[in-house]
Amino acid sequence: MLGINENPDVQSQKERLEKVLVKEGATVFVESLPLNIVYRDRLNDDGEKARIEKIEIFDEFEEWELLMSHYCLTLGVAYTCPGAANIKI
């Protein structure tokens, strides 16, 4: 895993993206979540979760949770328009 020493956790991944997006006068929003949280709490219940859980790897949910806790989904947005500081996400 490249970069594990420089960015060992979710917070460091969030800070890394914030540094890239920050520009003078820009409003920056960054969210980062471990993939086990994305799967457990954020995945829509429209049948996709049931489809995924039929895959053989899901015999052991504890192992899946542990594996996915080592990865994260990070999304960042930088607004450079007037009034961007008042935008609520």
N, C-alpha and C. Protein backbone atom coordinates (compact mmCIF):
# COMPACT_ATOMS: atom_id res chain seq x y z
N MET A 1 0.84 -1.17 0.00
CA MET A 1 0.00 0.00 0.00
C MET A 1 0.89 1.24 0.00
N LEU A 2 0.98 1.85 -1.14
CA LEU A 2 1.80 3.05 -1.26
C LEU A 2 1.20 4.19 -0.44
N GLY A 3 2.05 4.90 0.26
CA GLY A 3 1.59 6.07 1.01
C GLY A 3 1.06 5.77 2.39
N ILE A 4 1.11 4.51 2.82
CA ILE A 4 0.54 4.16 4.12
C ILE A 4 1.28 4.89 5.25
N ASN A 5 2.58 5.11 5.11
CA ASN A 5 3.33 5.79 6.16
C ASN A 5 3.02 7.28 6.21
N GLU A 6 2.79 7.89 5.05
CA GLU A 6 2.49 9.33 5.01
C GLU A 6 1.03 9.62 5.37
N ASN A 7 0.14 8.69 5.07
CA ASN A 7 -1.29 8.88 5.29
C ASN A 7 -1.89 7.61 5.91
N PRO A 8 -1.63 7.39 7.19
CA PRO A 8 -2.02 6.12 7.80
C PRO A 8 -3.47 5.98 8.22
N ASP A 9 -4.24 7.10 8.19
CA ASP A 9 -5.62 7.01 8.67
C ASP A 9 -6.54 7.92 7.87
N VAL A 10 -7.82 7.83 8.18
CA VAL A 10 -8.84 8.59 7.45
C VAL A 10 -8.60 10.10 7.58
N GLN A 11 -8.29 10.56 8.77
CA GLN A 11 -8.07 11.99 8.99
C GLN A 11 -6.91 12.52 8.14
N SER A 12 -5.83 11.75 8.03
CA SER A 12 -4.69 12.20 7.22
C SER A 12 -5.04 12.23 5.74
N GLN A 13 -5.91 11.31 5.28
CA GLN A 13 -6.38 11.35 3.89
C GLN A 13 -7.21 12.60 3.64
N LYS A 14 -8.05 12.95 4.59
CA LYS A 14 -8.88 14.15 4.49
C LYS A 14 -7.99 15.39 4.42
N GLU A 15 -7.01 15.47 5.30
CA GLU A 15 -6.11 16.63 5.32
C GLU A 15 -5.29 16.72 4.04
N ARG A 16 -4.90 15.57 3.48
CA ARG A 16 -4.14 15.55 2.23
C ARG A 16 -4.94 16.17 1.09
N LEU A 17 -6.22 15.82 0.97
CA LEU A 17 -7.06 16.39 -0.08
C LEU A 17 -7.34 17.86 0.17
N GLU A 18 -7.55 18.25 1.43
CA GLU A 18 -7.76 19.66 1.75
C GLU A 18 -6.59 20.51 1.28
N LYS A 19 -5.36 20.04 1.48
CA LYS A 19 -4.17 20.78 1.05
C LYS A 19 -4.15 20.97 -0.46
N VAL A 20 -4.60 19.97 -1.20
CA VAL A 20 -4.62 20.06 -2.66
C VAL A 20 -5.67 21.07 -3.12
N LEU A 21 -6.82 21.10 -2.45
CA LEU A 21 -7.93 21.93 -2.91
C LEU A 21 -7.86 23.39 -2.46
N VAL A 22 -7.13 23.66 -1.41
CA VAL A 22 -7.10 25.02 -0.86
C VAL A 22 -6.46 25.97 -1.85
N LYS A 23 -7.20 27.01 -2.17
CA LYS A 23 -6.71 28.09 -3.01
C LYS A 23 -7.13 29.39 -2.33
N GLU A 24 -6.44 30.43 -2.59
CA GLU A 24 -6.78 31.71 -1.97
C GLU A 24 -8.21 32.11 -2.33
N GLY A 25 -9.02 32.33 -1.32
CA GLY A 25 -10.39 32.75 -1.52
C GLY A 25 -11.38 31.62 -1.77
N ALA A 26 -10.91 30.37 -1.78
CA ALA A 26 -11.80 29.25 -2.05
C ALA A 26 -12.37 28.70 -0.75
N THR A 27 -13.61 28.25 -0.82
CA THR A 27 -14.23 27.53 0.28
C THR A 27 -14.09 26.04 -0.04
N VAL A 28 -13.58 25.28 0.91
CA VAL A 28 -13.28 23.87 0.68
C VAL A 28 -14.11 23.01 1.62
N PHE A 29 -14.69 21.94 1.07
CA PHE A 29 -15.40 20.94 1.86
C PHE A 29 -14.82 19.59 1.51
N VAL A 30 -14.38 18.85 2.53
CA VAL A 30 -13.83 17.51 2.32
C VAL A 30 -14.48 16.56 3.32
N GLU A 31 -14.90 15.42 2.84
CA GLU A 31 -15.47 14.37 3.70
C GLU A 31 -14.71 13.08 3.39
N SER A 32 -14.39 12.33 4.43
CA SER A 32 -13.69 11.07 4.26
C SER A 32 -14.28 10.05 5.23
N LEU A 33 -14.63 8.88 4.70
CA LEU A 33 -15.23 7.83 5.51
C LEU A 33 -14.56 6.50 5.21
N PRO A 34 -14.31 5.69 6.24
CA PRO A 34 -13.81 4.34 5.99
C PRO A 34 -14.86 3.55 5.19
N LEU A 35 -14.41 2.66 4.32
CA LEU A 35 -15.34 1.93 3.46
C LEU A 35 -16.28 1.02 4.24
N ASN A 36 -15.88 0.54 5.41
CA ASN A 36 -16.81 -0.28 6.19
C ASN A 36 -18.00 0.55 6.67
N ILE A 37 -17.78 1.83 6.95
CA ILE A 37 -18.87 2.74 7.34
C ILE A 37 -19.74 3.06 6.12
N VAL A 38 -19.12 3.26 4.96
CA VAL A 38 -19.88 3.52 3.74
C VAL A 38 -20.81 2.34 3.46
N TYR A 39 -20.28 1.14 3.55
CA TYR A 39 -21.08 -0.05 3.28
C TYR A 39 -22.20 -0.20 4.30
N ARG A 40 -21.86 -0.12 5.58
CA ARG A 40 -22.82 -0.40 6.64
C ARG A 40 -23.89 0.69 6.76
N ASP A 41 -23.49 1.96 6.67
CA ASP A 41 -24.41 3.06 7.00
C ASP A 41 -24.90 3.88 5.81
N ARG A 42 -24.17 3.86 4.70
CA ARG A 42 -24.49 4.78 3.60
C ARG A 42 -24.98 4.11 2.33
N LEU A 43 -24.78 2.82 2.19
CA LEU A 43 -25.21 2.15 0.96
C LEU A 43 -26.72 2.06 0.93
N ASN A 44 -27.31 2.47 -0.19
CA ASN A 44 -28.77 2.41 -0.32
C ASN A 44 -29.28 1.00 -0.20
N ASP A 45 -30.46 0.87 0.33
CA ASP A 45 -31.08 -0.44 0.51
C ASP A 45 -31.99 -0.78 -0.67
N ASP A 46 -31.53 -0.52 -1.88
CA ASP A 46 -32.36 -0.73 -3.07
C ASP A 46 -32.10 -2.07 -3.73
N GLY A 47 -31.59 -3.02 -2.95
CA GLY A 47 -31.29 -4.33 -3.49
C GLY A 47 -29.81 -4.52 -3.77
N GLU A 48 -29.07 -3.45 -3.90
CA GLU A 48 -27.64 -3.55 -4.17
C GLU A 48 -26.91 -4.23 -3.03
N LYS A 49 -27.26 -3.87 -1.81
CA LYS A 49 -26.62 -4.47 -0.65
C LYS A 49 -26.91 -5.98 -0.61
N ALA A 50 -28.14 -6.38 -0.88
CA ALA A 50 -28.50 -7.80 -0.91
C ALA A 50 -27.74 -8.54 -2.00
N ARG A 51 -27.59 -7.90 -3.16
CA ARG A 51 -26.85 -8.51 -4.27
C ARG A 51 -25.39 -8.73 -3.88
N ILE A 52 -24.79 -7.72 -3.26
CA ILE A 52 -23.39 -7.82 -2.84
C ILE A 52 -23.21 -8.93 -1.81
N GLU A 53 -24.16 -9.03 -0.88
CA GLU A 53 -24.03 -10.00 0.20
C GLU A 53 -24.17 -11.45 -0.27
N LYS A 54 -24.64 -11.67 -1.49
CA LYS A 54 -24.73 -13.02 -2.04
C LYS A 54 -23.39 -13.51 -2.59
N ILE A 55 -22.44 -12.59 -2.71
CA ILE A 55 -21.12 -12.95 -3.22
C ILE A 55 -20.39 -13.79 -2.17
N GLU A 56 -19.64 -14.74 -2.58
CA GLU A 56 -19.01 -15.71 -1.69
C GLU A 56 -18.17 -15.09 -0.58
N ILE A 57 -17.49 -14.00 -0.83
CA ILE A 57 -16.63 -13.38 0.16
C ILE A 57 -17.39 -13.01 1.44
N PHE A 58 -18.70 -12.89 1.33
CA PHE A 58 -19.49 -12.44 2.48
C PHE A 58 -19.86 -13.56 3.44
N ASP A 59 -19.13 -14.66 3.38
CA ASP A 59 -19.32 -15.71 4.38
C ASP A 59 -18.88 -15.23 5.75
N GLU A 60 -17.90 -14.35 5.77
CA GLU A 60 -17.34 -13.84 7.03
C GLU A 60 -17.42 -12.32 7.05
N PHE A 61 -18.48 -11.78 7.64
CA PHE A 61 -18.65 -10.33 7.68
C PHE A 61 -17.59 -9.65 8.54
N GLU A 62 -17.11 -10.33 9.58
CA GLU A 62 -16.10 -9.73 10.45
C GLU A 62 -14.82 -9.45 9.66
N GLU A 63 -14.43 -10.39 8.81
CA GLU A 63 -13.24 -10.19 7.98
C GLU A 63 -13.46 -9.06 6.98
N TRP A 64 -14.66 -8.99 6.41
CA TRP A 64 -14.99 -7.91 5.48
C TRP A 64 -14.90 -6.55 6.17
N GLU A 65 -15.47 -6.44 7.37
CA GLU A 65 -15.42 -5.18 8.14
C GLU A 65 -13.97 -4.78 8.40
N LEU A 66 -13.16 -5.73 8.80
CA LEU A 66 -11.76 -5.45 9.09
C LEU A 66 -11.02 -5.00 7.83
N LEU A 67 -11.22 -5.71 6.74
CA LEU A 67 -10.58 -5.35 5.48
C LEU A 67 -10.98 -3.95 5.02
N MET A 68 -12.27 -3.66 5.03
CA MET A 68 -12.75 -2.37 4.55
C MET A 68 -12.40 -1.21 5.49
N SER A 69 -12.09 -1.50 6.74
CA SER A 69 -11.70 -0.42 7.66
C SER A 69 -10.33 0.14 7.31
N HIS A 70 -9.59 -0.55 6.43
CA HIS A 70 -8.26 -0.09 6.02
C HIS A 70 -8.30 0.81 4.78
N TYR A 71 -9.47 1.03 4.22
CA TYR A 71 -9.63 1.85 3.02
C TYR A 71 -10.66 2.94 3.29
N CYS A 72 -10.57 4.04 2.54
CA CYS A 72 -11.55 5.10 2.75
C CYS A 72 -11.98 5.71 1.42
N LEU A 73 -13.14 6.32 1.46
CA LEU A 73 -13.68 7.08 0.33
C LEU A 73 -13.58 8.54 0.72
N THR A 74 -12.87 9.32 -0.08
CA THR A 74 -12.66 10.73 0.24
C THR A 74 -13.15 11.57 -0.94
N LEU A 75 -13.98 12.55 -0.63
CA LEU A 75 -14.56 13.44 -1.64
C LEU A 75 -14.29 14.86 -1.22
N GLY A 76 -13.85 15.67 -2.16
CA GLY A 76 -13.58 17.07 -1.85
C GLY A 76 -14.11 17.99 -2.93
N VAL A 77 -14.54 19.18 -2.49
CA VAL A 77 -15.06 20.18 -3.40
C VAL A 77 -14.48 21.53 -3.00
N ALA A 78 -14.05 22.31 -3.98
CA ALA A 78 -13.57 23.67 -3.72
C ALA A 78 -14.44 24.63 -4.51
N TYR A 79 -15.03 25.59 -3.81
CA TYR A 79 -15.88 26.61 -4.43
C TYR A 79 -15.08 27.90 -4.55
N THR A 80 -15.06 28.47 -5.73
CA THR A 80 -14.34 29.72 -5.93
C THR A 80 -15.27 30.83 -6.43
N CYS A 81 -16.57 30.65 -6.26
CA CYS A 81 -17.52 31.66 -6.70
C CYS A 81 -17.87 32.60 -5.55
N PRO A 82 -18.35 33.82 -5.86
CA PRO A 82 -18.75 34.74 -4.80
C PRO A 82 -19.89 34.14 -3.98
N GLY A 83 -19.80 34.28 -2.67
CA GLY A 83 -20.84 33.78 -1.81
C GLY A 83 -20.71 32.32 -1.46
N ALA A 84 -19.63 31.68 -1.89
CA ALA A 84 -19.48 30.25 -1.65
C ALA A 84 -19.38 29.93 -0.17
N ALA A 85 -18.91 30.85 0.63
CA ALA A 85 -18.76 30.60 2.05
C ALA A 85 -20.13 30.37 2.72
N ASN A 86 -21.21 30.82 2.09
CA ASN A 86 -22.55 30.67 2.66
C ASN A 86 -23.25 29.40 2.22
N ILE A 87 -22.62 28.61 1.36
CA ILE A 87 -23.24 27.38 0.87
C ILE A 87 -23.17 26.33 1.96
N LYS A 88 -24.29 25.67 2.24
CA LYS A 88 -24.36 24.60 3.22
C LYS A 88 -24.48 23.26 2.50
N ILE A 89 -23.63 22.32 2.89
CA ILE A 89 -23.65 21.00 2.25
C ILE A 89 -24.15 19.98 3.26
